[in-house]
PDB file of N, CA and C in Angstrom:
ATOM      1  N   MET A   1       8.454  -6.685  -1.979  1.00  0.00           N
ATOM      2  CA  MET A   1       8.137  -7.780  -2.388  1.00  0.00           C
ATOM      3  C   MET A   1       9.289  -6.906  -4.049  1.00  0.00           C
ATOM      4  N   ALA A   2      10.073  -8.228  -4.561  1.00  0.00           N
ATOM      5  CA  ALA A   2      11.141  -7.878  -5.476  1.00  0.00           C
ATOM      6  C   ALA A   2       9.987  -8.032  -7.216  1.00  0.00           C
ATOM      7  N   PHE A   3      10.034  -7.415  -8.109  1.00  0.00           N
ATOM      8  CA  PHE A   3       9.548  -7.697  -8.883  1.00  0.00           C
ATOM      9  C   PHE A   3       9.597  -8.881  -9.524  1.00  0.00           C
ATOM     10  N   SER A   4      10.673  -9.884  -9.547  1.00  0.00           N
ATOM     11  CA  SER A   4      10.932 -11.544  -9.942  1.00  0.00           C
ATOM     12  C   SER A   4      10.292 -12.497  -8.805  1.00  0.00           C
ATOM     13  N   ASP A   5       9.513 -11.603  -7.141  1.00  0.00           N
ATOM     14  CA  ASP A   5       8.777 -12.351  -7.070  1.00  0.00           C
ATOM     15  C   ASP A   5       6.942 -12.389  -7.392  1.00  0.00           C
ATOM     16  N   PHE A   6       6.741 -11.965  -8.589  1.00  0.00           N
ATOM     17  CA  PHE A   6       5.859 -12.344  -8.971  1.00  0.00           C
ATOM     18  C   PHE A   6       5.926 -12.794 -10.070  1.00  0.00           C
ATOM     19  N   GLY A   7       5.014 -14.058 -10.087  1.00  0.00           N
ATOM     20  CA  GLY A   7       4.845 -15.157 -10.556  1.00  0.00           C
ATOM     21  C   GLY A   7       4.378 -14.024 -12.601  1.00  0.00           C
ATOM     22  N   LYS A   8       4.492 -14.448 -13.550  1.00  0.00           N
ATOM     23  CA  LYS A   8       3.702 -14.625 -14.918  1.00  0.00           C
ATOM     24  C   LYS A   8       1.913 -15.472 -14.969  1.00  0.00           C
ATOM     25  N   ASN A   9       1.650 -14.418 -14.873  1.00  0.00           N
ATOM     26  CA  ASN A   9       0.095 -14.885 -15.175  1.00  0.00           C
ATOM     27  C   ASN A   9      -0.389 -15.523 -16.558  1.00  0.00           C
ATOM     28  N   ARG A  10      -2.157 -15.143 -16.975  1.00  0.00           N
ATOM     29  CA  ARG A  10      -2.547 -16.037 -18.713  1.00  0.00           C
ATOM     30  C   ARG A  10      -1.657 -15.642 -19.122  1.00  0.00           C
ATOM     31  N   LYS A  11      -1.468 -14.362 -19.333  1.00  0.00           N
ATOM     32  CA  LYS A  11      -0.887 -13.400 -21.107  1.00  0.00           C
ATOM     33  C   LYS A  11       0.660 -13.768 -20.633  1.00  0.00           C
ATOM     34  N   TYR A  12       1.388 -14.069 -19.695  1.00  0.00           N
ATOM     35  CA  TYR A  12       2.259 -14.123 -20.123  1.00  0.00           C
ATOM     36  C   TYR A  12       3.654 -12.970 -19.254  1.00  0.00           C
ATOM     37  N   TYR A  13       2.382 -12.413 -18.616  1.00  0.00           N
ATOM     38  CA  TYR A  13       3.244 -10.814 -18.096  1.00  0.00           C
ATOM     39  C   TYR A  13       2.716 -11.014 -17.028  1.00  0.00           C
ATOM     40  N   HIS A  14       3.978 -10.213 -16.121  1.00  0.00           N
ATOM     41  CA  HIS A  14       3.830 -10.582 -13.907  1.00  0.00           C
ATOM     42  C   HIS A  14       3.090 -10.204 -13.976  1.00  0.00           C
ATOM     43  N   SER A  15       2.524 -10.697 -12.450  1.00  0.00           N
ATOM     44  CA  SER A  15       1.545  -9.894 -12.447  1.00  0.00           C
ATOM     45  C   SER A  15       1.180 -10.731 -10.955  1.00  0.00           C
ATOM     46  N   LEU A  16       0.430  -9.919  -9.550  1.00  0.00           N
ATOM     47  CA  LEU A  16      -0.632 -10.554  -8.632  1.00  0.00           C
ATOM     48  C   LEU A  16      -2.021 -10.148  -8.815  1.00  0.00           C
ATOM     49  N   THR A  17      -2.376 -11.518  -8.811  1.00  0.00           N
ATOM     50  CA  THR A  17      -3.572 -11.481  -8.671  1.00  0.00           C
ATOM     51  C   THR A  17      -4.215 -11.333  -6.812  1.00  0.00           C
ATOM     52  N   VAL A  18      -4.846 -10.131  -6.773  1.00  0.00           N
ATOM     53  CA  VAL A  18      -5.638  -9.774  -5.446  1.00  0.00           C
ATOM     54  C   VAL A  18      -7.371  -9.628  -5.630  1.00  0.00           C
ATOM     55  N   GLN A  19      -7.671 -10.811  -4.078  1.00  0.00           N
ATOM     56  CA  GLN A  19      -8.257 -10.772  -3.481  1.00  0.00           C
ATOM     57  C   GLN A  19     -10.093  -9.758  -3.183  1.00  0.00           C
ATOM     58  N   VAL A  20     -10.905  -9.629  -3.947  1.00  0.00           N
ATOM     59  CA  VAL A  20     -11.121  -7.978  -2.318  1.00  0.00           C
ATOM     60  C   VAL A  20     -12.954  -8.868  -2.481  1.00  0.00           C
ATOM     61  N   VAL A  21     -12.647  -8.463  -1.363  1.00  0.00           N
ATOM     62  CA  VAL A  21     -14.372  -8.918  -1.036  1.00  0.00           C
ATOM     63  C   VAL A  21     -15.010  -7.910  -0.424  1.00  0.00           C
ATOM     64  N   CYS A  22     -16.023  -6.718  -1.028  1.00  0.00           N
ATOM     65  CA  CYS A  22     -16.732  -5.624  -0.258  1.00  0.00           C
ATOM     66  C   CYS A  22     -18.354  -6.311  -0.051  1.00  0.00           C
ATOM     67  N   ASN A  23     -18.745  -5.971   1.281  1.00  0.00           N
ATOM     68  CA  ASN A  23     -20.424  -5.923   0.852  1.00  0.00           C
ATOM     69  C   ASN A  23     -21.523  -5.459   0.127  1.00  0.00           C
ATOM     70  N   THR A  24     -22.927  -5.731   0.761  1.00  0.00           N
ATOM     71  CA  THR A  24     -23.693  -4.699  -0.658  1.00  0.00           C
ATOM     72  C   THR A  24     -23.415  -3.076  -0.197  1.00  0.00           C
ATOM     73  N   GLU A  25     -23.170  -2.633   0.354  1.00  0.00           N
ATOM     74  CA  GLU A  25     -23.262  -1.628   0.216  1.00  0.00           C
ATOM     75  C   GLU A  25     -21.488  -0.953  -0.036  1.00  0.00           C
ATOM     76  N   GLN A  26     -21.270  -1.493  -0.705  1.00  0.00           N
ATOM     77  CA  GLN A  26     -19.493  -1.017  -1.208  1.00  0.00           C
ATOM     78  C   GLN A  26     -18.884  -1.000  -0.170  1.00  0.00           C
ATOM     79  N   LYS A  27     -18.525  -1.411   1.124  1.00  0.00           N
ATOM     80  CA  LYS A  27     -17.551  -1.600   2.006  1.00  0.00           C
ATOM     81  C   LYS A  27     -16.644  -2.983   1.812  1.00  0.00           C
ATOM     82  N   ILE A  28     -15.290  -2.557   1.658  1.00  0.00           N
ATOM     83  CA  ILE A  28     -14.333  -3.377   0.931  1.00  0.00           C
ATOM     84  C   ILE A  28     -13.990  -4.310   2.777  1.00  0.00           C
ATOM     85  N   LEU A  29     -14.322  -5.373   2.771  1.00  0.00           N
ATOM     86  CA  LEU A  29     -14.391  -5.902   3.948  1.00  0.00           C
ATOM     87  C   LEU A  29     -12.524  -6.600   4.364  1.00  0.00           C
ATOM     88  N   SER A  30     -13.011  -7.455   3.273  1.00  0.00           N
ATOM     89  CA  SER A  30     -11.157  -8.704   2.987  1.00  0.00           C
ATOM     90  C   SER A  30      -9.657  -8.157   1.974  1.00  0.00           C
ATOM     91  N   VAL A  31      -9.506  -7.383   1.710  1.00  0.00           N
ATOM     92  CA  VAL A  31      -7.834  -7.561   0.945  1.00  0.00           C
ATOM     93  C   VAL A  31      -6.540  -9.110   1.439  1.00  0.00           C
ATOM     94  N   VAL A  32      -6.073  -9.735  -0.265  1.00  0.00           N
ATOM     95  CA  VAL A  32      -5.274 -10.641  -0.217  1.00  0.00           C
ATOM     96  C   VAL A  32      -3.573 -10.410  -1.197  1.00  0.00           C
ATOM     97  N   ALA A  33      -3.387  -9.640  -0.345  1.00  0.00           N
ATOM     98  CA  ALA A  33      -2.810  -8.934  -1.736  1.00  0.00           C
ATOM     99  C   ALA A  33      -1.230  -9.547  -2.194  1.00  0.00           C
ATOM    100  N   LYS A  34      -0.694 -11.273  -2.397  1.00  0.00           N
ATOM    101  CA  LYS A  34       0.036 -11.732  -2.241  1.00  0.00           C
ATOM    102  C   LYS A  34       0.480 -12.441  -3.016  1.00  0.00           C
ATOM    103  N   PHE A  35      -0.143 -13.285  -3.510  1.00  0.00           N
ATOM    104  CA  PHE A  35      -0.307 -14.311  -4.643  1.00  0.00           C
ATOM    105  C   PHE A  35       0.201 -13.857  -6.037  1.00  0.00           C
ATOM    106  N   ARG A  36       1.394 -14.847  -6.658  1.00  0.00           N
ATOM    107  CA  ARG A  36       1.757 -14.673  -7.990  1.00  0.00           C
ATOM    108  C   ARG A  36       0.472 -14.240  -9.242  1.00  0.00           C
ATOM    109  N   GLY A  37       0.389 -13.746  -9.863  1.00  0.00           N
ATOM    110  CA  GLY A  37      -0.856 -13.531 -10.528  1.00  0.00           C
ATOM    111  C   GLY A  37      -0.868 -14.762 -11.527  1.00  0.00           C
ATOM    112  N   SER A  38       0.267 -16.350 -11.468  1.00  0.00           N
ATOM    113  CA  SER A  38      -0.754 -16.408 -12.031  1.00  0.00           C
ATOM    114  C   SER A  38      -1.275 -18.274 -10.780  1.00  0.00           C
ATOM    115  N   SER A  39      -1.494 -17.775 -10.046  1.00  0.00           N
ATOM    116  CA  SER A  39      -2.302 -18.234  -8.556  1.00  0.00           C
ATOM    117  C   SER A  39      -4.222 -17.754  -9.541  1.00  0.00           C
ATOM    118  N   HIS A  40      -4.497 -19.063  -9.232  1.00  0.00           N
ATOM    119  CA  HIS A  40      -6.403 -19.801  -9.088  1.00  0.00           C
ATOM    120  C   HIS A  40      -6.626 -18.362  -7.906  1.00  0.00           C
ATOM    121  N   ASP A  41      -8.192 -18.200  -8.218  1.00  0.00           N
ATOM    122  CA  ASP A  41      -9.070 -17.424  -7.696  1.00  0.00           C
ATOM    123  C   ASP A  41      -9.122 -18.142  -6.411  1.00  0.00           C
ATOM    124  N   SER A  42      -9.678 -19.245  -6.942  1.00  0.00           N
ATOM    125  CA  SER A  42     -10.314 -20.483  -6.157  1.00  0.00           C
ATOM    126  C   SER A  42      -9.199 -20.823  -4.965  1.00  0.00           C
ATOM    127  N   TYR A  43      -7.493 -20.686  -4.925  1.00  0.00           N
ATOM    128  CA  TYR A  43      -6.909 -21.653  -4.848  1.00  0.00           C
ATOM    129  C   TYR A  43      -6.621 -19.914  -3.259  1.00  0.00           C
ATOM    130  N   ILE A  44      -6.621 -18.860  -3.819  1.00  0.00           N
ATOM    131  CA  ILE A  44      -6.665 -17.612  -3.074  1.00  0.00           C
ATOM    132  C   ILE A  44      -7.362 -17.913  -1.604  1.00  0.00           C
ATOM    133  N   LEU A  45      -9.235 -17.939  -2.580  1.00  0.00           N
ATOM    134  CA  LEU A  45      -9.815 -17.617  -1.326  1.00  0.00           C
ATOM    135  C   LEU A  45      -9.340 -19.034  -0.307  1.00  0.00           C
ATOM    136  N   ALA A  46      -9.390 -20.404  -0.951  1.00  0.00           N
ATOM    137  CA  ALA A  46      -9.665 -21.903   0.015  1.00  0.00           C
ATOM    138  C   ALA A  46      -7.755 -21.421   0.780  1.00  0.00           C
ATOM    139  N   GLN A  47      -6.413 -20.341   0.875  1.00  0.00           N
ATOM    140  CA  GLN A  47      -6.244 -19.763   1.891  1.00  0.00           C
ATOM    141  C   GLN A  47      -5.673 -19.146   2.779  1.00  0.00           C
ATOM    142  N   SER A  48      -7.277 -17.847   2.725  1.00  0.00           N
ATOM    143  CA  SER A  48      -6.678 -16.589   3.029  1.00  0.00           C
ATOM    144  C   SER A  48      -7.962 -17.229   4.303  1.00  0.00           C
ATOM    145  N   ALA A  49      -8.087 -15.844   5.997  1.00  0.00           N
ATOM    146  CA  ALA A  49      -8.419 -15.781   6.542  1.00  0.00           C
ATOM    147  C   ALA A  49      -9.981 -15.923   6.600  1.00  0.00           C
ATOM    148  N   LEU A  50     -10.038 -15.304   5.241  1.00  0.00           N
ATOM    149  CA  LEU A  50     -12.078 -15.558   5.781  1.00  0.00           C
ATOM    150  C   LEU A  50     -12.375 -17.065   5.104  1.00  0.00           C
ATOM    151  N   ALA A  51     -12.164 -17.416   4.114  1.00  0.00           N
ATOM    152  CA  ALA A  51     -12.107 -18.963   3.738  1.00  0.00           C
ATOM    153  C   ALA A  51     -12.282 -19.421   5.368  1.00  0.00           C
ATOM    154  N   GLN A  52     -10.765 -19.338   6.080  1.00  0.00           N
ATOM    155  CA  GLN A  52     -10.828 -19.843   7.536  1.00  0.00           C
ATOM    156  C   GLN A  52     -12.528 -19.691   8.577  1.00  0.00           C
ATOM    157  N   GLN A  53     -12.815 -18.422   8.325  1.00  0.00           N
ATOM    158  CA  GLN A  53     -13.711 -18.101   9.602  1.00  0.00           C
ATOM    159  C   GLN A  53     -15.250 -18.437   8.315  1.00  0.00           C
ATOM    160  N   PHE A  54     -15.462 -18.312   7.495  1.00  0.00           N
ATOM    161  CA  PHE A  54     -16.537 -18.415   6.841  1.00  0.00           C
ATOM    162  C   PHE A  54     -16.720 -20.249   6.789  1.00  0.00           C
ATOM    163  N   THR A  55     -15.859 -20.422   7.611  1.00  0.00           N
ATOM    164  CA  THR A  55     -15.560 -22.778   7.464  1.00  0.00           C
ATOM    165  C   THR A  55     -15.979 -22.310   9.156  1.00  0.00           C
ATOM    166  N   GLU A  56     -15.505 -21.595  10.009  1.00  0.00           N
ATOM    167  CA  GLU A  56     -16.035 -21.652  11.312  1.00  0.00           C
ATOM    168  C   GLU A  56     -17.161 -21.349  12.309  1.00  0.00           C
ATOM    169  N   GLY A  57     -17.886 -20.294  11.239  1.00  0.00           N
ATOM    170  CA  GLY A  57     -18.918 -19.892  11.513  1.00  0.00           C
ATOM    171  C   GLY A  57     -19.176 -18.295  12.091  1.00  0.00           C
ATOM    172  N   LYS A  58     -18.429 -18.214  11.757  1.00  0.00           N
ATOM    173  CA  LYS A  58     -18.055 -16.363  12.223  1.00  0.00           C
ATOM    174  C   LYS A  58     -19.173 -15.281  11.661  1.00  0.00           C
ATOM    175  N   TYR A  59     -19.207 -16.448   9.927  1.00  0.00           N
ATOM    176  CA  TYR A  59     -20.433 -14.706   9.566  1.00  0.00           C
ATOM    177  C   TYR A  59     -21.385 -16.162   9.414  1.00  0.00           C
ATOM    178  N   SER A  60     -21.987 -16.536  10.677  1.00  0.00           N
ATOM    179  CA  SER A  60     -23.274 -17.457  10.003  1.00  0.00           C
ATOM    180  C   SER A  60     -24.313 -16.719   9.413  1.00  0.00           C
ATOM    181  N   GLU A  61     -24.525 -15.843   9.342  1.00  0.00           N
ATOM    182  CA  GLU A  61     -25.321 -14.748   8.251  1.00  0.00           C
ATOM    183  C   GLU A  61     -25.176 -14.049   7.066  1.00  0.00           C
ATOM    184  N   GLY A  62     -23.997 -14.769   6.824  1.00  0.00           N
ATOM    185  CA  GLY A  62     -23.803 -13.799   5.437  1.00  0.00           C
ATOM    186  C   GLY A  62     -23.435 -15.392   4.580  1.00  0.00           C
ATOM    187  N   TRP A  63     -23.423 -14.688   3.214  1.00  0.00           N
ATOM    188  CA  TRP A  63     -22.969 -15.581   2.109  1.00  0.00           C
ATOM    189  C   TRP A  63     -21.881 -15.063   1.383  1.00  0.00           C
ATOM    190  N   LEU A  64     -20.615 -15.285   0.675  1.00  0.00           N
ATOM    191  CA  LEU A  64     -19.716 -14.695   0.090  1.00  0.00           C
ATOM    192  C   LEU A  64     -20.666 -15.479  -1.578  1.00  0.00           C
ATOM    193  N   LEU A  65     -20.727 -14.745  -2.803  1.00  0.00           N
ATOM    194  CA  LEU A  65     -21.079 -15.182  -3.823  1.00  0.00           C
ATOM    195  C   LEU A  65     -19.771 -15.028  -4.705  1.00  0.00           C
ATOM    196  N   GLY A  66     -19.283 -16.267  -5.630  1.00  0.00           N
ATOM    197  CA  GLY A  66     -18.633 -16.156  -6.435  1.00  0.00           C
ATOM    198  C   GLY A  66     -18.483 -16.973  -7.872  1.00  0.00           C
ATOM    199  N   ASP A  67     -17.138 -16.646  -8.982  1.00  0.00           N
ATOM    200  CA  ASP A  67     -17.964 -17.451 -10.198  1.00  0.00           C
ATOM    201  C   ASP A  67     -17.590 -18.948  -9.949  1.00  0.00           C
ATOM    202  N   ALA A  68     -17.896 -19.237 -11.798  1.00  0.00           N
ATOM    203  CA  ALA A  68     -18.470 -20.660 -11.735  1.00  0.00           C
ATOM    204  C   ALA A  68     -17.264 -21.035 -12.199  1.00  0.00           C
ATOM    205  N   GLY A  69     -15.833 -20.369 -11.880  1.00  0.00           N
ATOM    206  CA  GLY A  69     -13.871 -20.837 -11.069  1.00  0.00           C
ATOM    207  C   GLY A  69     -14.271 -21.863  -9.811  1.00  0.00           C
ATOM    208  N   TYR A  70     -14.632 -21.745  -8.583  1.00  0.00           N
ATOM    209  CA  TYR A  70     -14.872 -21.483  -7.666  1.00  0.00           C
ATOM    210  C   TYR A  70     -16.149 -22.949  -7.601  1.00  0.00           C
ATOM    211  N   ALA A  71     -16.057 -23.404  -6.358  1.00  0.00           N
ATOM    212  CA  ALA A  71     -16.699 -24.648  -5.519  1.00  0.00           C
ATOM    213  C   ALA A  71     -18.191 -24.350  -4.448  1.00  0.00           C
ATOM    214  N   CYS A  72     -18.148 -25.021  -4.786  1.00  0.00           N
ATOM    215  CA  CYS A  72     -20.206 -24.656  -4.182  1.00  0.00           C
ATOM    216  C   CYS A  72     -19.586 -25.057  -2.845  1.00  0.00           C
ATOM    217  N   LYS A  73     -19.756 -24.314  -2.024  1.00  0.00           N
ATOM    218  CA  LYS A  73     -19.648 -24.349  -0.193  1.00  0.00           C
ATOM    219  C   LYS A  73     -21.174 -23.603   0.819  1.00  0.00           C
ATOM    220  N   SER A  74     -21.800 -25.014   1.257  1.00  0.00           N
ATOM    221  CA  SER A  74     -22.463 -23.220   2.956  1.00  0.00           C
ATOM    222  C   SER A  74     -22.136 -21.787   2.153  1.00  0.00           C
ATOM    223  N   TRP A  75     -20.890 -21.702   2.276  1.00  0.00           N
ATOM    224  CA  TRP A  75     -21.345 -20.277   2.484  1.00  0.00           C
ATOM    225  C   TRP A  75     -20.516 -19.103   0.872  1.00  0.00           C
ATOM    226  N   LEU A  76     -20.181 -20.109   0.199  1.00  0.00           N
ATOM    227  CA  LEU A  76     -20.159 -20.168  -1.454  1.00  0.00           C
ATOM    228  C   LEU A  76     -21.268 -20.157  -1.893  1.00  0.00           C
ATOM    229  N   LEU A  77     -21.851 -19.341  -2.798  1.00  0.00           N
ATOM    230  CA  LEU A  77     -22.728 -18.966  -3.526  1.00  0.00           C
ATOM    231  C   LEU A  77     -22.250 -19.032  -4.776  1.00  0.00           C
ATOM    232  N   ILE A  78     -22.611 -19.705  -6.099  1.00  0.00           N
ATOM    233  CA  ILE A  78     -22.101 -19.732  -7.071  1.00  0.00           C
ATOM    234  C   ILE A  78     -23.276 -19.730  -8.082  1.00  0.00           C
ATOM    235  N   PRO A  79     -23.056 -19.771  -9.517  1.00  0.00           N
ATOM    236  CA  PRO A  79     -24.271 -19.584 -10.480  1.00  0.00           C
ATOM    237  C   PRO A  79     -24.584 -21.382 -10.864  1.00  0.00           C
ATOM    238  N   LEU A  80     -25.882 -21.697 -11.132  1.00  0.00           N
ATOM    239  CA  LEU A  80     -26.436 -22.800 -11.254  1.00  0.00           C
ATOM    240  C   LEU A  80     -25.619 -23.787 -12.689  1.00  0.00           C
ATOM    241  N   ALA A  81     -25.614 -24.270 -12.884  1.00  0.00           N
ATOM    242  CA  ALA A  81     -24.695 -24.982 -13.734  1.00  0.00           C
ATOM    243  C   ALA A  81     -25.686 -25.214 -15.161  1.00  0.00           C
ATOM    244  N   VAL A  82     -27.035 -25.669 -14.644  1.00  0.00           N
ATOM    245  CA  VAL A  82     -28.229 -26.245 -15.670  1.00  0.00           C
ATOM    246  C   VAL A  82     -29.936 -25.716 -14.034  1.00  0.00           C
ATOM    247  N   PRO A  83     -30.216 -23.781 -14.217  1.00  0.00           N
ATOM    248  CA  PRO A  83     -31.319 -24.407 -13.565  1.00  0.00           C
ATOM    249  C   PRO A  83     -32.348 -25.166 -14.391  1.00  0.00           C
ATOM    250  N   ARG A  84     -33.761 -25.707 -13.414  1.00  0.00           N
ATOM    251  CA  ARG A  84     -34.365 -26.818 -14.041  1.00  0.00           C
ATOM    252  C   ARG A  84     -36.359 -25.643 -13.266  1.00  0.00           C
ATOM    253  N   THR A  85     -36.392 -25.219 -12.171  1.00  0.00           N
ATOM    254  CA  THR A  85     -37.028 -24.244 -12.324  1.00  0.00           C
ATOM    255  C   THR A  85     -37.385 -23.028 -12.386  1.00  0.00           C
ATOM    256  N   ALA A  86     -38.388 -22.160 -11.879  1.00  0.00           N
ATOM    257  CA  ALA A  86     -38.170 -21.294 -12.168  1.00  0.00           C
ATOM    258  C   ALA A  86     -37.696 -20.321 -11.126  1.00  0.00           C
ATOM    259  N   ALA A  87     -37.502 -20.927  -9.693  1.00  0.00           N
ATOM    260  CA  ALA A  87     -36.734 -19.468  -9.314  1.00  0.00           C
ATOM    261  C   ALA A  87     -34.903 -20.245  -9.192  1.00  0.00           C
ATOM    262  N   GLU A  88     -34.923 -20.961 -10.003  1.00  0.00           N
ATOM    263  CA  GLU A  88     -33.392 -21.871 -10.198  1.00  0.00           C
ATOM    264  C   GLU A  88     -32.826 -21.117 -11.365  1.00  0.00           C
ATOM    265  N   VAL A  89     -34.281 -20.315 -12.299  1.00  0.00           N
ATOM    266  CA  VAL A  89     -33.831 -19.942 -13.760  1.00  0.00           C
ATOM    267  C   VAL A  89     -33.337 -18.579 -12.894  1.00  0.00           C
ATOM    268  N   ARG A  90     -34.036 -17.635 -11.742  1.00  0.00           N
ATOM    269  CA  ARG A  90     -33.909 -16.462 -11.158  1.00  0.00           C
ATOM    270  C   ARG A  90     -33.211 -15.964 -10.372  1.00  0.00           C
ATOM    271  N   TYR A  91     -32.122 -17.331 -10.251  1.00  0.00           N
ATOM    272  CA  TYR A  91     -30.909 -16.704  -9.272  1.00  0.00           C
ATOM    273  C   TYR A  91     -29.978 -16.416 -10.173  1.00  0.00           C
ATOM    274  N   PRO A  92     -29.344 -16.876 -11.757  1.00  0.00           N
ATOM    275  CA  PRO A  92     -28.242 -16.736 -11.386  1.00  0.00           C
ATOM    276  C   PRO A  92     -29.207 -15.373 -12.033  1.00  0.00           C
ATOM    277  N   GLU A  93     -29.547 -14.455 -12.895  1.00  0.00           N
ATOM    278  CA  GLU A  93     -30.228 -12.935 -12.309  1.00  0.00           C
ATOM    279  C   GLU A  93     -29.484 -12.171 -11.578  1.00  0.00           C
ATOM    280  N   GLU A  94     -30.021 -12.342 -10.250  1.00  0.00           N
ATOM    281  CA  GLU A  94     -29.743 -11.983  -9.208  1.00  0.00           C
ATOM    282  C   GLU A  94     -27.661 -12.315  -8.448  1.00  0.00           C
ATOM    283  N   HIS A  95     -28.159 -13.025  -8.462  1.00  0.00           N
ATOM    284  CA  HIS A  95     -26.705 -13.536  -8.389  1.00  0.00           C
ATOM    285  C   HIS A  95     -25.584 -13.087  -9.034  1.00  0.00           C
ATOM    286  N   VAL A  96     -25.932 -12.821 -10.369  1.00  0.00           N
ATOM    287  CA  VAL A  96     -25.174 -11.465 -11.682  1.00  0.00           C
ATOM    288  C   VAL A  96     -25.293  -9.767 -10.726  1.00  0.00           C
ATOM    289  N   ARG A  97     -26.513  -9.572 -10.727  1.00  0.00           N
ATOM    290  CA  ARG A  97     -26.937  -8.412 -10.240  1.00  0.00           C
ATOM    291  C   ARG A  97     -26.103  -7.954  -9.403  1.00  0.00           C
ATOM    292  N   THR A  98     -25.923  -9.169  -8.691  1.00  0.00           N
ATOM    293  CA  THR A  98     -25.423  -8.864  -6.971  1.00  0.00           C
ATOM    294  C   THR A  98     -23.931  -8.528  -6.564  1.00  0.00           C
ATOM    295  N   ARG A  99     -23.264  -8.753  -7.898  1.00  0.00           N
ATOM    296  CA  ARG A  99     -21.604  -9.952  -7.894  1.00  0.00           C
ATOM    297  C   ARG A  99     -20.860  -8.681  -8.724  1.00  0.00           C
ATOM    298  N   SER A 100     -22.413  -7.968  -9.092  1.00  0.00           N
ATOM    299  CA  SER A 100     -21.700  -6.336  -9.980  1.00  0.00           C
ATOM    300  C   SER A 100     -21.119  -5.304  -8.987  1.00  0.00           C
ATOM    301  N   VAL A 101     -21.749  -5.466  -7.736  1.00  0.00           N
ATOM    302  CA  VAL A 101     -21.149  -5.047  -6.551  1.00  0.00           C
ATOM    303  C   VAL A 101     -19.898  -4.838  -6.480  1.00  0.00           C
ATOM    304  N   ILE A 102     -18.946  -5.634  -6.250  1.00  0.00           N
ATOM    305  CA  ILE A 102     -17.339  -5.824  -6.285  1.00  0.00           C
ATOM    306  C   ILE A 102     -17.161  -4.821  -8.052  1.00  0.00           C
ATOM    307  N   LYS A 103     -17.680  -4.765  -8.648  1.00  0.00           N
ATOM    308  CA  LYS A 103     -16.786  -4.004 -10.157  1.00  0.00           C
ATOM    309  C   LYS A 103     -17.682  -1.942  -9.519  1.00  0.00           C
ATOM    310  N   ARG A 104     -18.436  -1.996  -9.290  1.00  0.00           N
ATOM    311  CA  ARG A 104     -18.777  -0.898  -8.979  1.00  0.00           C
ATOM    312  C   ARG A 104     -18.308  -0.460  -7.870  1.00  0.00           C
ATOM    313  N   THR A 105     -17.664  -0.737  -6.746  1.00  0.00           N
ATOM    314  CA  THR A 105     -16.761  -0.913  -6.129  1.00  0.00           C
ATOM    315  C   THR A 105     -15.366   0.547  -6.631  1.00  0.00           C
ATOM    316  N   PHE A 106     -14.808  -1.012  -8.049  1.00  0.00           N
ATOM    317  CA  PHE A 106     -13.253  -0.031  -7.919  1.00  0.00           C
ATOM    318  C   PHE A 106     -13.775   0.880  -8.915  1.00  0.00           C
ATOM    319  N   VAL A 107     -14.858   1.029  -9.757  1.00  0.00           N
ATOM    320  CA  VAL A 107     -15.011   1.894 -10.604  1.00  0.00           C
ATOM    321  C   VAL A 107     -15.209   3.285  -9.281  1.00  0.00           C
ATOM    322  N   SER A 108     -16.721   3.308  -8.786  1.00  0.00           N
ATOM    323  CA  SER A 108     -17.101   4.934  -8.425  1.00  0.00           C
ATOM    324  C   SER A 108     -16.178   5.139  -7.365  1.00  0.00           C
TER     325      SER A 108
END
C-alpha cells in the first residue's frame, strides 16, 4: 500500500483506521487494517467479516461492546443515552470497565 492510499483523517494528516477486537483476557480475535483514516469505525465494522459472523449467529454466546458511535444491534452493545432504572444506571459503569480491556491490551 502506498502512502497516497491513506486517507486524511479528521486532523488532516494521512493515516489508516485500524479495528482491533479482543476478548476479556486481552486475546486479540480480529484485526482490520485496510481503511483510510477518514473511515468511520461503524463503517469498518459493517464491512468486516466479524460483523457478518455475528449477524449469522456464529458467536451466539457473546457480544461486542462499542461506543456511542455505533448503532445498537443484538450482538453489539453500546452505552445507554438516558438510563432510567437502577440496572440501567449500573450498565454504563460496567460497559466502560469492560471496554477498557482493549485499551489495556495495547499498553500491556
